[in-house]
Amino acid sequence: MPKFKPHSGMKKRVKVTGRGKYLAEPAGKRHLLEVKSSKRTRRLTGSVELAPSETRRVNKMLGR
């Protein structure tokens, strides 16, 4: 059986907290920012905790 390799892209996108929860930046703040309102871009600033459904997927990708 081949050795399991964790998803290197996911390692870069997600931060694990001390309690094992995942923090990630919300999507939508990379480009086309002129179109988006200031209120919207401010709301997208910072990190948010991932939903439980996403957590299962990330665990699998990171081999946890």
N, C-alpha and C. Protein backbone atom coordinates (compact mmCIF):
# COMPACT_ATOMS: atom_id res chain seq x y z
N MET A 1 0.84 -1.19 0.00
CA MET A 1 0.00 0.00 0.00
C MET A 1 0.89 1.25 0.00
N PRO A 2 0.56 2.26 -0.84
CA PRO A 2 1.42 3.45 -0.89
C PRO A 2 1.28 4.31 0.37
N LYS A 3 2.33 5.04 0.64
CA LYS A 3 2.35 5.93 1.79
C LYS A 3 1.38 7.09 1.57
N PHE A 4 0.62 7.46 2.61
CA PHE A 4 -0.34 8.55 2.48
C PHE A 4 0.39 9.89 2.51
N LYS A 5 0.05 10.76 1.55
CA LYS A 5 0.64 12.09 1.51
C LYS A 5 -0.45 13.13 1.77
N PRO A 6 -0.33 13.93 2.83
CA PRO A 6 -1.32 14.96 3.11
C PRO A 6 -1.36 15.98 1.98
N HIS A 7 -2.49 16.59 1.81
CA HIS A 7 -2.69 17.58 0.74
C HIS A 7 -1.91 18.85 1.07
N SER A 8 -0.84 19.12 0.32
CA SER A 8 0.04 20.25 0.66
C SER A 8 -0.66 21.59 0.47
N GLY A 9 -1.62 21.66 -0.45
CA GLY A 9 -2.37 22.90 -0.65
C GLY A 9 -3.26 23.21 0.54
N MET A 10 -3.85 22.18 1.13
CA MET A 10 -4.73 22.38 2.28
C MET A 10 -3.94 22.81 3.50
N LYS A 11 -2.71 22.31 3.64
CA LYS A 11 -1.85 22.70 4.76
C LYS A 11 -1.64 24.21 4.76
N LYS A 12 -1.51 24.79 3.55
CA LYS A 12 -1.23 26.22 3.43
C LYS A 12 -2.47 27.08 3.65
N ARG A 13 -3.65 26.52 3.44
CA ARG A 13 -4.88 27.31 3.48
C ARG A 13 -5.58 27.30 4.83
N VAL A 14 -5.20 26.35 5.70
CA VAL A 14 -5.94 26.15 6.94
C VAL A 14 -5.00 26.21 8.13
N LYS A 15 -5.46 26.85 9.22
CA LYS A 15 -4.69 26.90 10.45
C LYS A 15 -5.46 26.10 11.51
N VAL A 16 -4.74 25.25 12.26
CA VAL A 16 -5.38 24.43 13.29
C VAL A 16 -5.25 25.14 14.63
N THR A 17 -6.36 25.29 15.36
CA THR A 17 -6.34 25.92 16.67
C THR A 17 -5.86 24.92 17.71
N GLY A 18 -5.70 25.36 18.92
CA GLY A 18 -5.26 24.49 20.01
C GLY A 18 -6.25 23.38 20.30
N ARG A 19 -7.53 23.65 20.08
CA ARG A 19 -8.57 22.64 20.34
C ARG A 19 -8.88 21.77 19.13
N GLY A 20 -8.11 21.98 18.06
CA GLY A 20 -8.29 21.13 16.88
C GLY A 20 -9.30 21.63 15.89
N LYS A 21 -9.76 22.87 16.05
CA LYS A 21 -10.68 23.44 15.06
C LYS A 21 -9.87 24.09 13.95
N TYR A 22 -10.51 24.34 12.82
CA TYR A 22 -9.80 24.91 11.68
C TYR A 22 -10.23 26.33 11.41
N LEU A 23 -9.25 27.19 11.13
CA LEU A 23 -9.51 28.57 10.74
C LEU A 23 -9.04 28.76 9.31
N ALA A 24 -9.85 29.45 8.52
CA ALA A 24 -9.48 29.73 7.14
C ALA A 24 -10.03 31.09 6.76
N GLU A 25 -9.43 31.68 5.74
CA GLU A 25 -9.93 32.97 5.26
C GLU A 25 -11.10 32.74 4.33
N PRO A 26 -12.15 33.57 4.44
CA PRO A 26 -13.30 33.40 3.55
C PRO A 26 -12.96 33.71 2.10
N ALA A 27 -13.66 33.06 1.20
CA ALA A 27 -13.42 33.27 -0.23
C ALA A 27 -13.98 34.61 -0.67
N GLY A 28 -13.45 35.14 -1.76
CA GLY A 28 -14.03 36.32 -2.38
C GLY A 28 -13.32 37.63 -2.12
N LYS A 29 -12.09 37.60 -1.60
CA LYS A 29 -11.39 38.87 -1.36
C LYS A 29 -10.07 38.95 -2.11
N ARG A 30 -9.98 38.27 -3.24
CA ARG A 30 -8.73 38.25 -3.99
C ARG A 30 -8.73 39.20 -5.19
N HIS A 31 -9.80 39.23 -5.93
CA HIS A 31 -9.81 40.08 -7.13
C HIS A 31 -11.22 40.61 -7.38
N LEU A 32 -11.35 41.51 -8.36
CA LEU A 32 -12.61 42.20 -8.68
C LEU A 32 -13.15 42.96 -7.47
N LEU A 33 -12.23 43.57 -6.71
CA LEU A 33 -12.64 44.25 -5.49
C LEU A 33 -13.31 45.59 -5.76
N GLU A 34 -13.10 46.16 -6.94
CA GLU A 34 -13.74 47.44 -7.27
C GLU A 34 -15.25 47.30 -7.31
N VAL A 35 -15.71 46.14 -7.73
CA VAL A 35 -17.14 45.88 -7.86
C VAL A 35 -17.80 45.71 -6.50
N LYS A 36 -17.06 45.12 -5.56
CA LYS A 36 -17.62 44.81 -4.24
C LYS A 36 -17.63 46.05 -3.35
N SER A 37 -18.66 46.14 -2.52
CA SER A 37 -18.79 47.29 -1.64
C SER A 37 -17.75 47.20 -0.51
N SER A 38 -17.44 48.36 0.09
CA SER A 38 -16.47 48.40 1.19
C SER A 38 -16.97 47.57 2.36
N LYS A 39 -18.27 47.62 2.59
CA LYS A 39 -18.88 46.86 3.67
C LYS A 39 -18.62 45.36 3.48
N ARG A 40 -18.77 44.92 2.24
CA ARG A 40 -18.58 43.50 1.91
C ARG A 40 -17.12 43.07 2.08
N THR A 41 -16.18 43.91 1.59
CA THR A 41 -14.77 43.55 1.70
C THR A 41 -14.30 43.56 3.16
N ARG A 42 -14.84 44.46 3.98
CA ARG A 42 -14.49 44.48 5.41
C ARG A 42 -14.99 43.22 6.10
N ARG A 43 -16.16 42.78 5.71
CA ARG A 43 -16.76 41.57 6.30
C ARG A 43 -15.92 40.33 5.99
N LEU A 44 -15.25 40.35 4.82
CA LEU A 44 -14.45 39.21 4.39
C LEU A 44 -13.04 39.21 4.99
N THR A 45 -12.69 40.23 5.79
CA THR A 45 -11.38 40.33 6.40
C THR A 45 -11.27 39.35 7.58
N GLY A 46 -10.07 38.82 7.79
CA GLY A 46 -9.83 37.95 8.93
C GLY A 46 -10.12 36.50 8.65
N SER A 47 -10.07 35.69 9.68
CA SER A 47 -10.28 34.25 9.55
C SER A 47 -11.59 33.83 10.20
N VAL A 48 -12.18 32.78 9.67
CA VAL A 48 -13.42 32.24 10.24
C VAL A 48 -13.24 30.75 10.50
N GLU A 49 -14.03 30.25 11.45
CA GLU A 49 -13.99 28.82 11.76
C GLU A 49 -14.76 28.06 10.69
N LEU A 50 -14.21 26.93 10.26
CA LEU A 50 -14.86 26.13 9.23
C LEU A 50 -16.07 25.41 9.78
N ALA A 51 -17.06 25.19 8.92
CA ALA A 51 -18.27 24.45 9.28
C ALA A 51 -17.93 22.98 9.53
N PRO A 52 -18.73 22.29 10.34
CA PRO A 52 -18.47 20.86 10.61
C PRO A 52 -18.39 20.01 9.35
N SER A 53 -19.22 20.31 8.36
CA SER A 53 -19.19 19.54 7.12
C SER A 53 -17.86 19.70 6.40
N GLU A 54 -17.30 20.90 6.44
CA GLU A 54 -16.00 21.16 5.81
C GLU A 54 -14.87 20.54 6.63
N THR A 55 -15.05 20.52 7.95
CA THR A 55 -14.02 19.98 8.84
C THR A 55 -13.73 18.52 8.53
N ARG A 56 -14.78 17.75 8.25
CA ARG A 56 -14.60 16.33 7.91
C ARG A 56 -13.73 16.18 6.66
N ARG A 57 -14.00 17.02 5.67
CA ARG A 57 -13.25 16.96 4.41
C ARG A 57 -11.79 17.34 4.63
N VAL A 58 -11.56 18.38 5.41
CA VAL A 58 -10.19 18.85 5.68
C VAL A 58 -9.42 17.81 6.48
N ASN A 59 -10.06 17.17 7.46
CA ASN A 59 -9.42 16.11 8.25
C ASN A 59 -8.91 15.02 7.34
N LYS A 60 -9.72 14.64 6.37
CA LYS A 60 -9.37 13.57 5.45
C LYS A 60 -8.16 13.98 4.60
N MET A 61 -8.16 15.24 4.14
CA MET A 61 -7.08 15.71 3.30
C MET A 61 -5.76 15.83 4.05
N LEU A 62 -5.85 16.14 5.35
CA LEU A 62 -4.64 16.30 6.15
C LEU A 62 -4.22 14.99 6.83
N GLY A 63 -5.00 13.94 6.66
CA GLY A 63 -4.65 12.65 7.22
C GLY A 63 -4.82 12.57 8.72
N ARG A 64 -5.85 13.21 9.25
CA ARG A 64 -6.12 13.19 10.70
C ARG A 64 -7.23 12.25 11.03
